[in-house]
Amino acid sequence: MKKIALLSLVFMAFACGEPAESPENQPGSTAVADPSSDPAALFQAATEAVLAVQTVQYSYTLEGIAVMEDTVEFTSEGSVFLVKGTDMDDASIHVDYTMTILPGDTTITGTVVSHGGTAAHFSPSQDLYVFGEAEDGGAAIVLRDGLPQGAVVREFLFTGDPFGAELDAGGYRFHDQEERNGVLCHVITVDMPPYASTWWISTESFLPVANSISVWSPDGSQGMEYTVSISDVVLDSQPPEGTFQLACPGDIQARQVYGSITVGSQAPPWSLMTPGGETVSLEDLRGRVVVMDFWATWCGPCRVVMPSLQELHETLGDRVTVVGINVWESGDPAAFMEENGYTYTMVLNGDDVASEYMVEGIPTFYVIAQDGTVAFHAVGADPANDEALWETVGTLLEE
């Protein structure tokens, strides 16, 4: 089993801003409609600009650092071609990249494509070709593991609300306008704990030029931050034939990956023990909404999402059971839960259950409906995952 901790944050940005004190700088206010001083006006203008773009090509450069058990620095550069779609099944992605990881000065090259519900990743430097289908979550695994962190600016990719998280954020801070890649930009910090985000948005086109993201555990000991900049932007050009196709070279064995249990299918049964010796089984929870979180104490992204799970437990615990399924553990999960004030259900020794649920990285979430079927699956400490999880739970409770 591949044991990895995931920070699926490719659509966000970095910042360290203070919450805005002035109410006219809050989204939803009509007192100020100037994009240079009103966050709502700026992100609405950016939303309109991004949604008007159907295809985009750009070059990118990226620098970042991740601190987990070890400290890793990484840089990446390459080119991207995106075609907008309603979801990942009909959006199209092509990324050529070179990535360097320190320590070790390891350089990885590759190409990642996604089109028509299939994603593929070819890395000649790793003698690797993997592909997956969207219907079982395999495509998401390919994109998660293959794409360099932050290379795809997802605001360009989908037809939904590209800056919804920013418009719902709790605090903002404008910085002085500055040039980025030769483009004069509005610069705004957005506070979305535990995430912090800064955007550089063109003062002329209102398209994003750069973004950064920072996310750290409560004690600051683990986390990640990176900055990505885009240049040589070409809008609404026709992709050349074959742009989103990626054949496997004859000298490499293609490998298909599968991502999750399909939404709508019956969730595999399990029975595990709590630290207090109580048996908890999925069957015993039938009739309630069950939120399952596969986690470990050493996993920084797992720590990031736990406050939201605790809030879910405290808010909806009369109808929803939150279960932290501890996996791949080397520490003391019971002590960790107690020290941090987490009171939702936690069960031990979940490695076999993780295998049954196709868990390859943590945190991994499943929401199980009242009838025992899978209603939702997500991987990583992505605020979009958290929002979708809450929405799924709310929808199930209304049925």
Protein backbone atom coordinates (compact mmCIF):
# COMPACT_ATOMS: atom_id res chain seq x y z
CA MET A 1 0.00 0.00 0.00
CA LYS A 2 1.33 3.39 -1.00
CA LYS A 3 1.29 5.55 2.12
CA ILE A 4 1.12 9.22 1.30
CA ALA A 5 -0.33 12.37 2.81
CA LEU A 6 -2.06 14.56 0.31
CA LEU A 7 -2.54 18.31 -0.06
CA SER A 8 -4.88 18.55 -3.03
CA LEU A 9 -4.77 22.32 -3.43
CA VAL A 10 -4.19 23.01 -7.10
CA PHE A 11 -6.93 25.60 -7.44
CA MET A 12 -6.05 27.87 -4.50
CA ALA A 13 -3.51 30.59 -3.66
CA PHE A 14 -1.16 31.74 -0.85
CA ALA A 15 -1.56 34.67 1.51
CA CYS A 16 -1.04 35.87 5.07
CA GLY A 17 -3.69 38.58 5.29
CA GLU A 18 -5.60 40.00 8.22
CA PRO A 19 -9.42 40.03 8.13
CA ALA A 20 -10.69 43.30 6.70
CA GLU A 21 -12.04 45.66 9.36
CA SER A 22 -14.08 47.82 7.02
CA PRO A 23 -17.53 46.38 6.16
CA GLU A 24 -17.53 47.95 2.72
CA ASN A 25 -14.66 45.63 1.78
CA GLN A 26 -16.72 42.50 2.41
CA PRO A 27 -18.24 40.53 -0.50
CA GLY A 28 -21.91 41.21 -0.98
CA SER A 29 -21.66 44.90 -0.06
CA THR A 30 -22.74 47.42 -2.69
CA ALA A 31 -21.20 50.42 -0.94
CA VAL A 32 -18.03 50.24 -3.06
CA ALA A 33 -17.89 48.81 -6.58
CA ASP A 34 -14.24 49.61 -7.28
CA PRO A 35 -12.21 46.42 -8.01
CA SER A 36 -9.11 48.08 -6.58
CA SER A 37 -10.70 48.32 -3.12
CA ASP A 38 -13.76 46.04 -3.05
CA PRO A 39 -13.08 42.26 -2.91
CA ALA A 40 -16.56 41.41 -4.21
CA ALA A 41 -16.12 43.70 -7.22
CA LEU A 42 -12.66 42.32 -7.97
CA PHE A 43 -13.62 38.65 -7.77
CA GLN A 44 -16.86 39.24 -9.68
CA ALA A 45 -14.87 40.88 -12.47
CA ALA A 46 -12.39 37.98 -12.39
CA THR A 47 -15.28 35.50 -12.48
CA GLU A 48 -16.78 37.13 -15.57
CA ALA A 49 -13.38 37.27 -17.28
CA VAL A 50 -12.52 33.63 -16.57
CA LEU A 51 -15.94 32.28 -17.54
CA ALA A 52 -15.69 34.08 -20.90
CA VAL A 53 -12.57 32.03 -21.75
CA GLN A 54 -13.23 28.69 -23.43
CA THR A 55 -9.64 27.58 -24.03
CA VAL A 56 -6.36 28.83 -22.59
CA GLN A 57 -2.69 28.09 -23.18
CA TYR A 58 0.05 29.32 -20.89
CA SER A 59 3.54 28.69 -19.60
CA TYR A 60 4.00 28.36 -15.87
CA THR A 61 6.73 28.51 -13.25
CA LEU A 62 6.31 27.28 -9.70
CA GLU A 63 8.30 27.25 -6.46
CA GLY A 64 7.25 25.67 -3.18
CA ILE A 65 8.08 23.90 0.05
CA ALA A 66 6.39 21.05 1.90
CA VAL A 67 7.14 20.19 5.52
CA MET A 68 5.89 16.79 6.70
CA GLU A 69 8.24 14.27 8.28
CA ASP A 70 10.97 15.88 6.15
CA THR A 71 11.31 19.25 4.44
CA VAL A 72 11.07 19.13 0.65
CA GLU A 73 11.63 22.05 -1.72
CA PHE A 74 10.31 21.82 -5.26
CA THR A 75 10.32 23.84 -8.46
CA SER A 76 8.44 23.19 -11.68
CA GLU A 77 8.00 24.74 -15.11
CA GLY A 78 6.16 23.79 -18.24
CA SER A 79 3.24 24.48 -20.56
CA VAL A 80 -0.50 23.97 -20.15
CA PHE A 81 -3.48 23.77 -22.54
CA LEU A 82 -6.97 23.73 -21.00
CA VAL A 83 -10.44 23.44 -22.55
CA LYS A 84 -13.31 24.41 -20.28
CA GLY A 85 -16.01 21.88 -19.35
CA THR A 86 -18.83 21.42 -16.88
CA ASP A 87 -16.82 18.81 -14.96
CA MET A 88 -13.70 16.69 -15.29
CA ASP A 89 -15.43 14.30 -17.70
CA ASP A 90 -15.77 16.89 -20.48
CA ALA A 91 -12.99 19.34 -19.59
CA SER A 92 -9.63 18.74 -21.30
CA ILE A 93 -6.10 19.10 -19.89
CA HIS A 94 -2.63 18.84 -21.41
CA VAL A 95 0.42 19.59 -19.25
CA ASP A 96 4.09 19.17 -20.16
CA TYR A 97 6.29 19.62 -17.11
CA THR A 98 9.76 19.46 -15.62
CA MET A 99 9.96 19.28 -11.83
CA THR A 100 12.99 19.36 -9.53
CA ILE A 101 12.82 18.14 -5.92
CA LEU A 102 15.33 18.91 -3.16
CA PRO A 103 17.10 17.42 -1.28
CA GLY A 104 18.48 14.99 -3.79
CA ASP A 105 18.23 17.26 -6.82
CA THR A 106 15.79 14.83 -8.44
CA THR A 107 14.42 15.96 -11.82
CA ILE A 108 11.19 14.49 -13.19
CA THR A 109 9.75 15.14 -16.64
CA GLY A 110 6.39 14.13 -17.98
CA THR A 111 3.13 14.77 -19.78
CA VAL A 112 -0.36 14.55 -18.29
CA VAL A 113 -3.57 14.61 -20.34
CA SER A 114 -7.25 14.30 -19.48
CA HIS A 115 -10.10 14.13 -21.98
CA GLY A 116 -13.43 12.37 -22.33
CA GLY A 117 -13.34 10.84 -18.84
CA THR A 118 -9.87 9.29 -19.25
CA ALA A 119 -6.60 10.64 -17.82
CA ALA A 120 -3.08 9.45 -18.59
CA HIS A 121 0.40 10.30 -17.30
CA PHE A 122 3.64 9.46 -19.12
CA SER A 123 6.96 10.18 -17.41
CA PRO A 124 10.01 9.13 -19.46
CA SER A 125 12.29 9.95 -16.54
CA GLN A 126 10.44 7.36 -14.43
CA ASP A 127 9.66 4.83 -17.19
CA LEU A 128 6.03 5.29 -16.17
CA TYR A 129 2.71 5.24 -18.00
CA VAL A 130 -0.50 5.14 -15.96
CA PHE A 131 -4.10 5.81 -16.94
CA GLY A 132 -7.48 5.85 -15.24
CA GLU A 133 -11.18 6.37 -15.89
CA ALA A 134 -13.36 9.05 -14.29
CA GLU A 135 -16.23 6.66 -13.58
CA ASP A 136 -14.32 4.80 -10.87
CA GLY A 137 -12.14 7.66 -9.67
CA GLY A 138 -9.03 6.43 -11.46
CA ALA A 139 -8.72 9.56 -13.56
CA ALA A 140 -8.66 11.69 -10.42
CA ILE A 141 -5.84 9.53 -9.02
CA VAL A 142 -3.80 9.99 -12.21
CA LEU A 143 -4.27 13.77 -12.12
CA ARG A 144 -3.60 14.00 -8.40
CA ASP A 145 -0.38 12.02 -8.55
CA GLY A 146 0.82 13.16 -11.99
CA LEU A 147 0.16 16.88 -12.16
CA PRO A 148 2.74 19.17 -10.57
CA GLN A 149 1.15 20.94 -7.62
CA GLY A 150 -0.50 24.15 -8.84
CA ALA A 151 0.30 23.80 -12.55
CA VAL A 152 -3.37 23.74 -13.56
CA VAL A 153 -5.17 26.98 -12.67
CA ARG A 154 -8.55 25.35 -12.15
CA GLU A 155 -10.45 28.63 -12.30
CA PHE A 156 -10.03 28.37 -16.08
CA LEU A 157 -11.18 24.77 -16.25
CA PHE A 158 -14.85 24.54 -15.17
CA THR A 159 -18.05 26.43 -15.88
CA GLY A 160 -19.08 26.71 -12.22
CA ASP A 161 -18.28 29.50 -9.77
CA PRO A 162 -14.49 29.85 -10.08
CA PHE A 163 -14.01 32.22 -7.15
CA GLY A 164 -16.81 31.02 -4.89
CA ALA A 165 -14.47 30.18 -2.02
CA GLU A 166 -12.90 33.63 -2.18
CA LEU A 167 -16.29 35.38 -2.22
CA ASP A 168 -17.33 33.42 0.88
CA ALA A 169 -14.08 34.06 2.77
CA GLY A 170 -13.88 35.79 6.11
CA GLY A 171 -11.21 38.42 5.55
CA TYR A 172 -9.34 40.33 2.86
CA ARG A 173 -6.40 42.66 2.48
CA PHE A 174 -5.42 44.60 -0.61
CA HIS A 175 -1.75 45.21 -1.37
CA ASP A 176 -0.20 47.80 -3.64
CA GLN A 177 -0.63 47.06 -7.32
CA GLU A 178 2.46 45.48 -8.84
CA GLU A 179 3.71 44.04 -12.11
CA ARG A 180 3.85 40.27 -12.46
CA ASN A 181 5.30 38.84 -15.67
CA GLY A 182 4.98 42.29 -17.23
CA VAL A 183 1.29 42.64 -16.34
CA LEU A 184 0.05 45.25 -13.85
CA CYS A 185 -2.00 43.43 -11.22
CA HIS A 186 -4.38 43.96 -8.36
CA VAL A 187 -2.98 42.00 -5.41
CA ILE A 188 -5.34 40.69 -2.77
CA THR A 189 -4.91 38.42 0.22
CA VAL A 190 -7.81 36.17 1.18
CA ASP A 191 -8.08 34.58 4.61
CA MET A 192 -9.70 31.11 4.48
CA PRO A 193 -8.39 29.30 7.58
CA PRO A 194 -6.50 27.01 7.61
CA TYR A 195 -5.69 28.20 4.10
CA ALA A 196 -4.27 31.56 3.17
CA SER A 197 -4.47 32.82 -0.41
CA THR A 198 -3.09 35.67 -2.49
CA TRP A 199 -4.10 36.43 -6.08
CA TRP A 200 -2.44 38.64 -8.68
CA ILE A 201 -5.23 39.67 -11.05
CA SER A 202 -4.68 41.77 -14.17
CA THR A 203 -5.95 45.34 -13.82
CA GLU A 204 -6.86 45.30 -17.52
CA SER A 205 -8.27 41.84 -18.33
CA PHE A 206 -9.11 40.73 -14.75
CA LEU A 207 -7.63 37.31 -15.54
CA PRO A 208 -5.39 35.65 -12.93
CA VAL A 209 -1.67 36.10 -13.51
CA ALA A 210 -0.30 34.37 -10.40
CA ASN A 211 -1.46 32.80 -7.17
CA SER A 212 0.02 31.30 -4.08
CA ILE A 213 -1.22 29.04 -1.35
CA SER A 214 -0.18 28.34 2.21
CA VAL A 215 -1.63 25.76 4.57
CA TRP A 216 -0.12 24.72 7.89
CA SER A 217 -1.09 22.57 10.84
CA PRO A 218 -2.29 24.46 13.94
CA ASP A 219 1.14 24.26 15.58
CA GLY A 220 2.92 25.31 12.38
CA SER A 221 5.08 22.20 12.31
CA GLN A 222 3.70 20.72 9.09
CA GLY A 223 2.26 22.16 5.93
CA MET A 224 2.89 23.43 2.45
CA GLU A 225 3.16 26.66 0.52
CA TYR A 226 3.88 27.44 -3.09
CA THR A 227 3.59 30.19 -5.70
CA VAL A 228 2.70 29.67 -9.37
CA SER A 229 2.95 32.30 -12.12
CA ILE A 230 1.63 32.07 -15.66
CA SER A 231 2.83 33.85 -18.80
CA ASP A 232 2.61 33.65 -22.62
CA VAL A 233 -1.16 33.37 -22.27
CA VAL A 234 -3.15 32.57 -25.43
CA LEU A 235 -6.95 32.64 -25.19
CA ASP A 236 -9.57 30.75 -27.18
CA SER A 237 -7.27 29.08 -29.71
CA GLN A 238 -8.16 25.81 -31.38
CA PRO A 239 -6.16 22.89 -29.90
CA PRO A 240 -4.14 21.00 -32.50
CA GLU A 241 -5.36 17.52 -33.33
CA GLY A 242 -4.10 14.97 -30.83
CA THR A 243 -3.41 17.54 -28.08
CA PHE A 244 -5.35 15.52 -25.50
CA GLN A 245 -4.23 12.06 -26.59
CA LEU A 246 -1.26 10.30 -25.01
CA ALA A 247 -0.14 6.94 -26.34
CA CYS A 248 1.89 4.51 -24.28
CA PRO A 249 5.37 3.89 -25.71
CA GLY A 250 5.92 0.32 -26.78
CA ASP A 251 8.78 -0.28 -24.36
CA ILE A 252 6.74 0.67 -21.25
CA GLN A 253 4.00 -1.40 -19.60
CA ALA A 254 0.78 0.60 -19.23
CA ARG A 255 -0.86 0.40 -15.80
CA GLN A 256 -4.47 1.25 -15.02
CA VAL A 257 -5.32 2.73 -11.61
CA TYR A 258 -8.65 2.64 -9.85
CA GLY A 259 -9.59 5.42 -7.49
CA SER A 260 -12.56 4.60 -5.33
CA ILE A 261 -15.74 2.69 -4.80
CA THR A 262 -18.29 4.06 -7.24
CA VAL A 263 -20.85 6.50 -5.86
CA GLY A 264 -24.21 4.73 -5.65
CA SER A 265 -22.76 1.29 -5.00
CA GLN A 266 -23.06 -0.54 -1.69
CA ALA A 267 -20.35 0.38 0.80
CA PRO A 268 -18.24 -2.60 1.93
CA PRO A 269 -19.05 -3.65 5.51
CA TRP A 270 -16.50 -3.19 8.27
CA SER A 271 -16.23 -3.65 12.01
CA LEU A 272 -13.47 -2.06 14.10
CA MET A 273 -12.68 -1.30 17.73
CA THR A 274 -12.47 2.07 19.46
CA PRO A 275 -9.58 2.76 21.86
CA GLY A 276 -12.04 2.01 24.70
CA GLY A 277 -12.76 -1.48 23.37
CA GLU A 278 -16.20 -0.76 21.88
CA THR A 279 -17.02 -2.38 18.54
CA VAL A 280 -18.27 -0.06 15.80
CA SER A 281 -19.63 -1.51 12.56
CA LEU A 282 -21.00 0.13 9.45
CA GLU A 283 -24.03 -2.16 9.61
CA ASP A 284 -24.90 -0.90 13.09
CA LEU A 285 -24.91 2.65 11.71
CA ARG A 286 -27.45 1.88 8.98
CA GLY A 287 -30.16 4.55 8.93
CA ARG A 288 -27.72 7.35 9.77
CA VAL A 289 -25.43 9.38 7.51
CA VAL A 290 -21.86 8.20 8.11
CA VAL A 291 -18.80 10.32 7.36
CA MET A 292 -15.64 8.20 7.19
CA ASP A 293 -12.19 9.82 7.38
CA PHE A 294 -9.10 7.65 6.86
CA TRP A 295 -6.27 9.36 8.74
CA ALA A 296 -3.04 9.06 10.75
CA THR A 297 -1.38 11.21 13.41
CA TRP A 298 1.75 11.78 11.29
CA CYS A 299 -0.30 13.12 8.36
CA GLY A 300 -0.20 16.93 8.24
CA PRO A 301 -3.13 17.32 5.82
CA CYS A 302 -5.17 14.97 8.04
CA ARG A 303 -4.64 17.36 10.95
CA VAL A 304 -5.78 20.28 8.80
CA VAL A 305 -9.23 18.78 8.11
CA MET A 306 -9.99 17.49 11.60
CA PRO A 307 -11.43 20.74 13.02
CA SER A 308 -14.09 20.70 10.29
CA LEU A 309 -14.97 17.10 11.11
CA GLN A 310 -15.29 18.04 14.77
CA GLU A 311 -17.60 20.90 13.81
CA LEU A 312 -19.69 18.50 11.73
CA HIS A 313 -19.90 16.16 14.72
CA GLU A 314 -20.92 18.93 17.09
CA THR A 315 -23.42 20.48 14.68
CA LEU A 316 -25.13 17.41 13.21
CA GLY A 317 -24.10 14.60 15.54
CA ASP A 318 -27.70 13.72 16.36
CA ARG A 319 -28.19 12.50 12.78
CA VAL A 320 -24.66 12.06 11.44
CA THR A 321 -21.89 9.78 12.69
CA VAL A 322 -18.34 10.96 12.00
CA VAL A 323 -15.82 8.12 12.17
CA GLY A 324 -12.07 8.65 12.03
CA ILE A 325 -10.59 5.38 10.76
CA ASN A 326 -6.98 5.32 11.86
CA VAL A 327 -4.56 3.75 9.36
CA TRP A 328 -0.84 3.24 8.77
CA GLU A 329 -0.23 4.42 12.31
CA SER A 330 3.03 4.72 14.24
CA GLY A 331 1.87 7.05 17.02
CA ASP A 332 -0.86 7.19 19.65
CA PRO A 333 -4.10 8.22 17.93
CA ALA A 334 -6.21 8.09 21.11
CA ALA A 335 -3.88 10.50 22.91
CA PHE A 336 -3.81 12.76 19.85
CA MET A 337 -7.62 12.94 19.74
CA GLU A 338 -7.83 13.70 23.45
CA GLU A 339 -5.07 16.32 23.44
CA ASN A 340 -6.73 18.20 20.60
CA GLY A 341 -10.29 17.99 21.92
CA TYR A 342 -11.69 15.83 19.12
CA THR A 343 -14.69 13.89 20.39
CA TYR A 344 -16.10 12.20 17.31
CA THR A 345 -15.81 8.41 16.98
CA MET A 346 -12.36 7.02 16.25
CA VAL A 347 -11.55 3.38 15.44
CA LEU A 348 -8.18 1.64 15.28
CA ASN A 349 -6.32 -0.71 12.95
CA GLY A 350 -8.14 0.27 9.78
CA ASP A 351 -5.49 -0.82 7.27
CA ASP A 352 -7.56 -3.68 5.84
CA VAL A 353 -10.61 -1.44 5.58
CA ALA A 354 -8.49 1.15 3.77
CA SER A 355 -7.50 -1.51 1.24
CA GLU A 356 -11.15 -2.49 0.80
CA TYR A 357 -12.03 1.16 0.13
CA MET A 358 -9.10 1.64 -2.31
CA VAL A 359 -7.38 4.22 -0.10
CA GLU A 360 -4.01 5.19 -1.56
CA GLY A 361 -3.53 8.53 0.17
CA ILE A 362 -4.84 10.28 3.24
CA PRO A 363 -6.95 11.98 4.26
CA THR A 364 -9.58 10.06 2.29
CA PHE A 365 -13.27 10.70 2.87
CA TYR A 366 -16.37 8.65 2.18
CA VAL A 367 -19.93 9.68 2.97
CA ILE A 368 -22.30 6.73 3.34
CA ALA A 369 -26.02 7.35 2.89
CA GLN A 370 -28.72 6.06 5.23
CA ASP A 371 -29.30 3.03 2.97
CA GLY A 372 -25.63 2.00 3.11
CA THR A 373 -24.61 3.22 -0.34
CA VAL A 374 -21.63 5.44 -1.14
CA ALA A 375 -22.78 9.05 -1.61
CA PHE A 376 -19.45 10.89 -1.79
CA HIS A 377 -15.70 10.29 -2.05
CA ALA A 378 -12.77 12.72 -1.94
CA VAL A 379 -9.06 12.72 -1.20
CA GLY A 380 -6.92 15.47 0.28
CA ALA A 381 -7.09 18.62 2.39
CA ASP A 382 -8.81 20.68 -0.29
CA PRO A 383 -11.38 23.25 0.88
CA ALA A 384 -13.49 22.27 -2.13
CA ASN A 385 -13.63 18.73 -0.71
CA ASP A 386 -14.76 20.07 2.64
CA GLU A 387 -17.47 22.20 1.06
CA ALA A 388 -18.71 19.31 -1.11
CA LEU A 389 -18.73 16.95 1.88
CA TRP A 390 -20.91 19.31 3.93
CA GLU A 391 -23.23 19.81 0.95
CA THR A 392 -23.57 16.06 0.45
CA VAL A 393 -24.41 15.52 4.11
CA GLY A 394 -26.97 18.33 4.01
CA THR A 395 -28.62 16.88 0.92
CA LEU A 396 -28.86 13.42 2.47
CA LEU A 397 -30.44 14.82 5.62
CA GLU A 398 -33.10 16.60 3.56
CA GLU A 399 -34.18 13.41 1.77
